[in-house]
Amino acid sequence: MEQLSLFSEADNAPGGAAGDIVVYTDGGCSGNPGAGGWGCVIIDETAAACGKAPKEQSFSGGEKCTTNNRMELTAVITALTFIASSPENFSRQVSVFTDSQYVKNGITTWIKGWKRNGWRTADKKPVKNQDLWVALDAAVAKLNVRWVWVKGHAGIKYNEMVDQLCQAEIKKYK
């Protein structure tokens, strides 16, 4: 899969167009299931049009007993739900960077079949984490979302930041 980037290798920071919203998300567990955490950073590029630094907001949370995939989904749902709470964001480009193939492939490819098959997989089993997929689908429906997979633990500034948020949350539940 091609790895896309909104930032140059030189500064390792987002460089989306003015008015874009850039999101980085991560989730993880210590044990699977086990203590879990998630983190997200939302970068609003509107200020860049005036030569100012983008506005950044971060969120994180966790659970005592959960799975990695639930935490990955929760991070994305939290970010997109927050963005979708402001109607002025409905027409803006939102680029979501995730190191989770499960999230990216699930929302861009697999969900169409799951919905068509009554939330069953191709082998007729119930879709795992259906409650979270339904919530993510609802958040995405309000926004213009571009999904980008990034390699985890590759020195990408904001991907590393959300990993640190995630790991701090996991420690709270161990």
C-alpha atoms as a PDB file:
ATOM      1  CA  MET A   1       0.000   0.000   0.000  1.00  0.00           C
ATOM      2  CA  GLU A   2       1.253   3.455  -0.862  1.00  0.00           C
ATOM      3  CA  GLN A   3       2.126   5.697   2.055  1.00  0.00           C
ATOM      4  CA  LEU A   4       0.947   9.249   1.520  1.00  0.00           C
ATOM      5  CA  SER A   5       2.002  12.299   3.452  1.00  0.00           C
ATOM      6  CA  LEU A   6       0.846  15.868   3.907  1.00  0.00           C
ATOM      7  CA  PHE A   7       4.207  16.923   5.298  1.00  0.00           C
ATOM      8  CA  SER A   8       7.729  17.186   4.022  1.00  0.00           C
ATOM      9  CA  GLU A   9      10.432  14.899   5.335  1.00  0.00           C
ATOM     10  CA  ALA A  10      12.460  18.002   6.203  1.00  0.00           C
ATOM     11  CA  ASP A  11      10.164  19.367   8.884  1.00  0.00           C
ATOM     12  CA  ASN A  12       8.184  16.217   9.750  1.00  0.00           C
ATOM     13  CA  ALA A  13       5.053  18.292  10.386  1.00  0.00           C
ATOM     14  CA  PRO A  14       1.679  18.516   8.643  1.00  0.00           C
ATOM     15  CA  GLY A  15       1.444  20.930   5.750  1.00  0.00           C
ATOM     16  CA  GLY A  16      -2.137  20.574   4.618  1.00  0.00           C
ATOM     17  CA  ALA A  17      -3.776  23.325   2.642  1.00  0.00           C
ATOM     18  CA  ALA A  18      -5.120  26.280   4.555  1.00  0.00           C
ATOM     19  CA  GLY A  19      -8.548  25.345   5.835  1.00  0.00           C
ATOM     20  CA  ASP A  20      -7.848  21.601   5.978  1.00  0.00           C
ATOM     21  CA  ILE A  21      -8.172  19.542   9.117  1.00  0.00           C
ATOM     22  CA  VAL A  22      -5.507  16.917   9.746  1.00  0.00           C
ATOM     23  CA  VAL A  23      -6.091  14.097  12.243  1.00  0.00           C
ATOM     24  CA  TYR A  24      -3.692  11.532  13.669  1.00  0.00           C
ATOM     25  CA  THR A  25      -5.020   8.615  15.708  1.00  0.00           C
ATOM     26  CA  ASP A  26      -3.691   5.584  17.550  1.00  0.00           C
ATOM     27  CA  GLY A  27      -4.965   2.913  19.885  1.00  0.00           C
ATOM     28  CA  GLY A  28      -3.378  -0.008  21.639  1.00  0.00           C
ATOM     29  CA  CYS A  29      -3.451  -2.505  24.466  1.00  0.00           C
ATOM     30  CA  SER A  30      -1.168  -4.211  26.917  1.00  0.00           C
ATOM     31  CA  GLY A  31      -2.488  -7.703  26.366  1.00  0.00           C
ATOM     32  CA  ASN A  32      -5.260  -8.199  23.842  1.00  0.00           C
ATOM     33  CA  PRO A  33      -7.665  -8.009  25.547  1.00  0.00           C
ATOM     34  CA  GLY A  34      -6.089  -5.983  28.298  1.00  0.00           C
ATOM     35  CA  ALA A  35      -5.506  -2.458  29.516  1.00  0.00           C
ATOM     36  CA  GLY A  36      -6.099  -0.173  26.571  1.00  0.00           C
ATOM     37  CA  GLY A  37      -5.547   3.385  25.531  1.00  0.00           C
ATOM     38  CA  TRP A  38      -6.164   5.667  22.596  1.00  0.00           C
ATOM     39  CA  GLY A  39      -5.062   9.110  21.501  1.00  0.00           C
ATOM     40  CA  CYS A  40      -5.842  11.584  18.759  1.00  0.00           C
ATOM     41  CA  VAL A  41      -4.519  14.946  17.620  1.00  0.00           C
ATOM     42  CA  ILE A  42      -6.598  17.315  15.510  1.00  0.00           C
ATOM     43  CA  ILE A  43      -4.695  19.957  13.571  1.00  0.00           C
ATOM     44  CA  ASP A  44      -6.739  22.812  12.100  1.00  0.00           C
ATOM     45  CA  GLU A  45      -4.802  24.396   9.236  1.00  0.00           C
ATOM     46  CA  THR A  46      -7.027  27.515   8.999  1.00  0.00           C
ATOM     47  CA  ALA A  47      -4.481  29.750  10.741  1.00  0.00           C
ATOM     48  CA  ALA A  48      -1.852  28.818   8.147  1.00  0.00           C
ATOM     49  CA  ALA A  49      -3.609  31.093   5.641  1.00  0.00           C
ATOM     50  CA  CYS A  50      -2.517  34.021   7.829  1.00  0.00           C
ATOM     51  CA  GLY A  51       0.994  32.717   8.378  1.00  0.00           C
ATOM     52  CA  LYS A  52       0.194  31.524  11.907  1.00  0.00           C
ATOM     53  CA  ALA A  53       0.813  28.130  13.452  1.00  0.00           C
ATOM     54  CA  PRO A  54      -2.014  25.613  13.044  1.00  0.00           C
ATOM     55  CA  LYS A  55      -4.306  25.055  16.027  1.00  0.00           C
ATOM     56  CA  GLU A  56      -3.775  21.659  17.674  1.00  0.00           C
ATOM     57  CA  GLN A  57      -6.060  19.773  20.048  1.00  0.00           C
ATOM     58  CA  SER A  58      -5.421  16.370  21.556  1.00  0.00           C
ATOM     59  CA  PHE A  59      -7.684  13.885  23.286  1.00  0.00           C
ATOM     60  CA  SER A  60      -7.001  10.550  24.947  1.00  0.00           C
ATOM     61  CA  GLY A  61      -8.688   7.895  27.034  1.00  0.00           C
ATOM     62  CA  GLY A  62      -8.637   4.241  27.862  1.00  0.00           C
ATOM     63  CA  GLU A  63     -10.314   1.208  29.396  1.00  0.00           C
ATOM     64  CA  LYS A  64      -9.297  -1.452  31.856  1.00  0.00           C
ATOM     65  CA  CYS A  65     -10.198  -4.418  29.658  1.00  0.00           C
ATOM     66  CA  THR A  66     -10.519  -3.898  25.915  1.00  0.00           C
ATOM     67  CA  THR A  67      -8.905  -4.777  22.598  1.00  0.00           C
ATOM     68  CA  ASN A  68      -6.440  -3.030  20.342  1.00  0.00           C
ATOM     69  CA  ASN A  69      -9.008  -2.716  17.547  1.00  0.00           C
ATOM     70  CA  ARG A  70     -11.603  -1.136  19.847  1.00  0.00           C
ATOM     71  CA  MET A  71      -9.055   1.445  20.946  1.00  0.00           C
ATOM     72  CA  GLU A  72      -8.015   2.209  17.338  1.00  0.00           C
ATOM     73  CA  LEU A  73     -11.667   2.766  16.421  1.00  0.00           C
ATOM     74  CA  THR A  74     -12.406   4.834  19.532  1.00  0.00           C
ATOM     75  CA  ALA A  75      -9.576   7.254  18.709  1.00  0.00           C
ATOM     76  CA  VAL A  76     -10.930   7.897  15.205  1.00  0.00           C
ATOM     77  CA  ILE A  77     -14.559   8.138  16.353  1.00  0.00           C
ATOM     78  CA  THR A  78     -13.625  10.656  19.046  1.00  0.00           C
ATOM     79  CA  ALA A  79     -11.744  12.891  16.612  1.00  0.00           C
ATOM     80  CA  LEU A  80     -14.356  12.796  13.846  1.00  0.00           C
ATOM     81  CA  THR A  81     -17.282  13.235  16.242  1.00  0.00           C
ATOM     82  CA  PHE A  82     -15.571  16.304  17.686  1.00  0.00           C
ATOM     83  CA  ILE A  83     -14.957  17.726  14.206  1.00  0.00           C
ATOM     84  CA  ALA A  84     -18.526  16.929  13.089  1.00  0.00           C
ATOM     85  CA  SER A  85     -19.948  18.768  16.109  1.00  0.00           C
ATOM     86  CA  SER A  86     -19.287  22.023  14.203  1.00  0.00           C
ATOM     87  CA  PRO A  87     -21.386  22.260  11.010  1.00  0.00           C
ATOM     88  CA  GLU A  88     -18.843  24.648   9.451  1.00  0.00           C
ATOM     89  CA  ASN A  89     -16.512  21.627   9.205  1.00  0.00           C
ATOM     90  CA  PHE A  90     -18.889  19.622   6.991  1.00  0.00           C
ATOM     91  CA  SER A  91     -17.444  21.077   3.770  1.00  0.00           C
ATOM     92  CA  ARG A  92     -13.782  21.040   4.846  1.00  0.00           C
ATOM     93  CA  GLN A  93     -11.272  18.370   3.819  1.00  0.00           C
ATOM     94  CA  VAL A  94     -10.435  16.104   6.775  1.00  0.00           C
ATOM     95  CA  SER A  95      -7.367  13.903   6.340  1.00  0.00           C
ATOM     96  CA  VAL A  96      -7.173  11.056   8.854  1.00  0.00           C
ATOM     97  CA  PHE A  97      -3.758   9.481   9.336  1.00  0.00           C
ATOM     98  CA  THR A  98      -3.819   6.076  10.998  1.00  0.00           C
ATOM     99  CA  ASP A  99      -1.314   3.277  11.369  1.00  0.00           C
ATOM    100  CA  SER A 100      -4.202   0.793  11.579  1.00  0.00           C
ATOM    101  CA  GLN A 101      -4.956  -1.144   8.404  1.00  0.00           C
ATOM    102  CA  TYR A 102      -8.013  -2.496  10.272  1.00  0.00           C
ATOM    103  CA  VAL A 103      -9.496   1.015  10.577  1.00  0.00           C
ATOM    104  CA  LYS A 104      -8.525   2.221   7.108  1.00  0.00           C
ATOM    105  CA  ASN A 105      -9.637  -0.910   5.245  1.00  0.00           C
ATOM    106  CA  GLY A 106     -12.716  -1.337   7.409  1.00  0.00           C
ATOM    107  CA  ILE A 107     -14.130   2.125   6.735  1.00  0.00           C
ATOM    108  CA  THR A 108     -13.058   2.430   3.088  1.00  0.00           C
ATOM    109  CA  THR A 109     -13.737  -1.098   1.831  1.00  0.00           C
ATOM    110  CA  TRP A 110     -15.186  -3.715   4.166  1.00  0.00           C
ATOM    111  CA  ILE A 111     -18.032  -1.648   5.658  1.00  0.00           C
ATOM    112  CA  LYS A 112     -19.938  -1.569   2.372  1.00  0.00           C
ATOM    113  CA  GLY A 113     -20.244  -5.360   2.353  1.00  0.00           C
ATOM    114  CA  TRP A 114     -20.960  -5.559   6.076  1.00  0.00           C
ATOM    115  CA  LYS A 115     -23.894  -3.168   5.754  1.00  0.00           C
ATOM    116  CA  ARG A 116     -25.174  -4.903   2.626  1.00  0.00           C
ATOM    117  CA  ASN A 117     -24.980  -8.269   4.462  1.00  0.00           C
ATOM    118  CA  GLY A 118     -26.756  -7.088   7.616  1.00  0.00           C
ATOM    119  CA  TRP A 119     -23.500  -6.573   9.564  1.00  0.00           C
ATOM    120  CA  ARG A 120     -22.193 -10.025   8.714  1.00  0.00           C
ATOM    121  CA  THR A 121     -18.761 -10.826   7.301  1.00  0.00           C
ATOM    122  CA  ALA A 122     -18.233 -12.642   4.014  1.00  0.00           C
ATOM    123  CA  ASP A 123     -18.252 -15.928   5.944  1.00  0.00           C
ATOM    124  CA  LYS A 124     -21.598 -14.984   7.574  1.00  0.00           C
ATOM    125  CA  LYS A 125     -20.176 -14.264  11.055  1.00  0.00           C
ATOM    126  CA  PRO A 126     -21.229 -11.145  12.987  1.00  0.00           C
ATOM    127  CA  VAL A 127     -18.905  -8.172  12.449  1.00  0.00           C
ATOM    128  CA  LYS A 128     -16.692  -7.607  15.475  1.00  0.00           C
ATOM    129  CA  ASN A 129     -16.995  -4.143  17.035  1.00  0.00           C
ATOM    130  CA  GLN A 130     -20.205  -3.427  15.127  1.00  0.00           C
ATOM    131  CA  ASP A 131     -21.207  -0.770  17.658  1.00  0.00           C
ATOM    132  CA  LEU A 132     -18.039   1.196  16.917  1.00  0.00           C
ATOM    133  CA  TRP A 133     -18.255   0.713  13.146  1.00  0.00           C
ATOM    134  CA  VAL A 134     -21.812   2.094  13.219  1.00  0.00           C
ATOM    135  CA  ALA A 135     -20.607   5.130  15.199  1.00  0.00           C
ATOM    136  CA  LEU A 136     -17.671   5.681  12.845  1.00  0.00           C
ATOM    137  CA  ASP A 137     -19.908   5.365   9.780  1.00  0.00           C
ATOM    138  CA  ALA A 138     -22.248   8.010  11.226  1.00  0.00           C
ATOM    139  CA  ALA A 139     -19.368  10.421  11.914  1.00  0.00           C
ATOM    140  CA  VAL A 140     -17.871   9.912   8.447  1.00  0.00           C
ATOM    141  CA  ALA A 141     -21.237  10.523   6.762  1.00  0.00           C
ATOM    142  CA  LYS A 142     -21.150  14.182   7.842  1.00  0.00           C
ATOM    143  CA  LEU A 143     -17.604  14.905   6.688  1.00  0.00           C
ATOM    144  CA  ASN A 144     -15.343  14.910   3.643  1.00  0.00           C
ATOM    145  CA  VAL A 145     -12.768  12.380   4.899  1.00  0.00           C
ATOM    146  CA  ARG A 146      -9.579  11.246   3.213  1.00  0.00           C
ATOM    147  CA  TRP A 147      -7.999   8.142   4.793  1.00  0.00           C
ATOM    148  CA  VAL A 148      -4.223   7.775   4.836  1.00  0.00           C
ATOM    149  CA  TRP A 149      -2.269   4.851   6.234  1.00  0.00           C
ATOM    150  CA  VAL A 150       1.078   5.699   7.831  1.00  0.00           C
ATOM    151  CA  LYS A 151       3.711   3.337   9.111  1.00  0.00           C
ATOM    152  CA  GLY A 152       3.723   3.231  12.900  1.00  0.00           C
ATOM    153  CA  HIS A 153       6.873   3.937  14.908  1.00  0.00           C
ATOM    154  CA  ALA A 154       8.548   5.510  11.884  1.00  0.00           C
ATOM    155  CA  GLY A 155       9.443   8.869  13.409  1.00  0.00           C
ATOM    156  CA  ILE A 156       6.396  10.743  12.083  1.00  0.00           C
ATOM    157  CA  LYS A 157       5.896  13.550  14.601  1.00  0.00           C
ATOM    158  CA  TYR A 158       2.145  13.352  15.142  1.00  0.00           C
ATOM    159  CA  ASN A 159       1.973   9.578  14.838  1.00  0.00           C
ATOM    160  CA  GLU A 160       4.556   9.364  17.617  1.00  0.00           C
ATOM    161  CA  MET A 161       2.584  11.914  19.646  1.00  0.00           C
ATOM    162  CA  VAL A 162      -0.645   9.896  19.514  1.00  0.00           C
ATOM    163  CA  ASP A 163       1.287   6.736  20.373  1.00  0.00           C
ATOM    164  CA  GLN A 164       2.616   8.492  23.496  1.00  0.00           C
ATOM    165  CA  LEU A 165      -0.925   9.555  24.460  1.00  0.00           C
ATOM    166  CA  CYS A 166      -2.064   5.971  23.986  1.00  0.00           C
ATOM    167  CA  GLN A 167       0.778   4.502  26.068  1.00  0.00           C
ATOM    168  CA  ALA A 168       0.150   6.992  28.900  1.00  0.00           C
ATOM    169  CA  GLU A 169      -3.488   5.905  29.036  1.00  0.00           C
ATOM    170  CA  ILE A 170      -2.562   2.211  29.068  1.00  0.00           C
ATOM    171  CA  LYS A 171      -0.325   2.830  32.097  1.00  0.00           C
ATOM    172  CA  LYS A 172      -3.322   4.246  34.004  1.00  0.00           C
ATOM    173  CA  TYR A 173      -5.156   0.919  33.692  1.00  0.00           C
ATOM    174  CA  LYS A 174      -2.337  -1.547  34.346  1.00  0.00           C
END
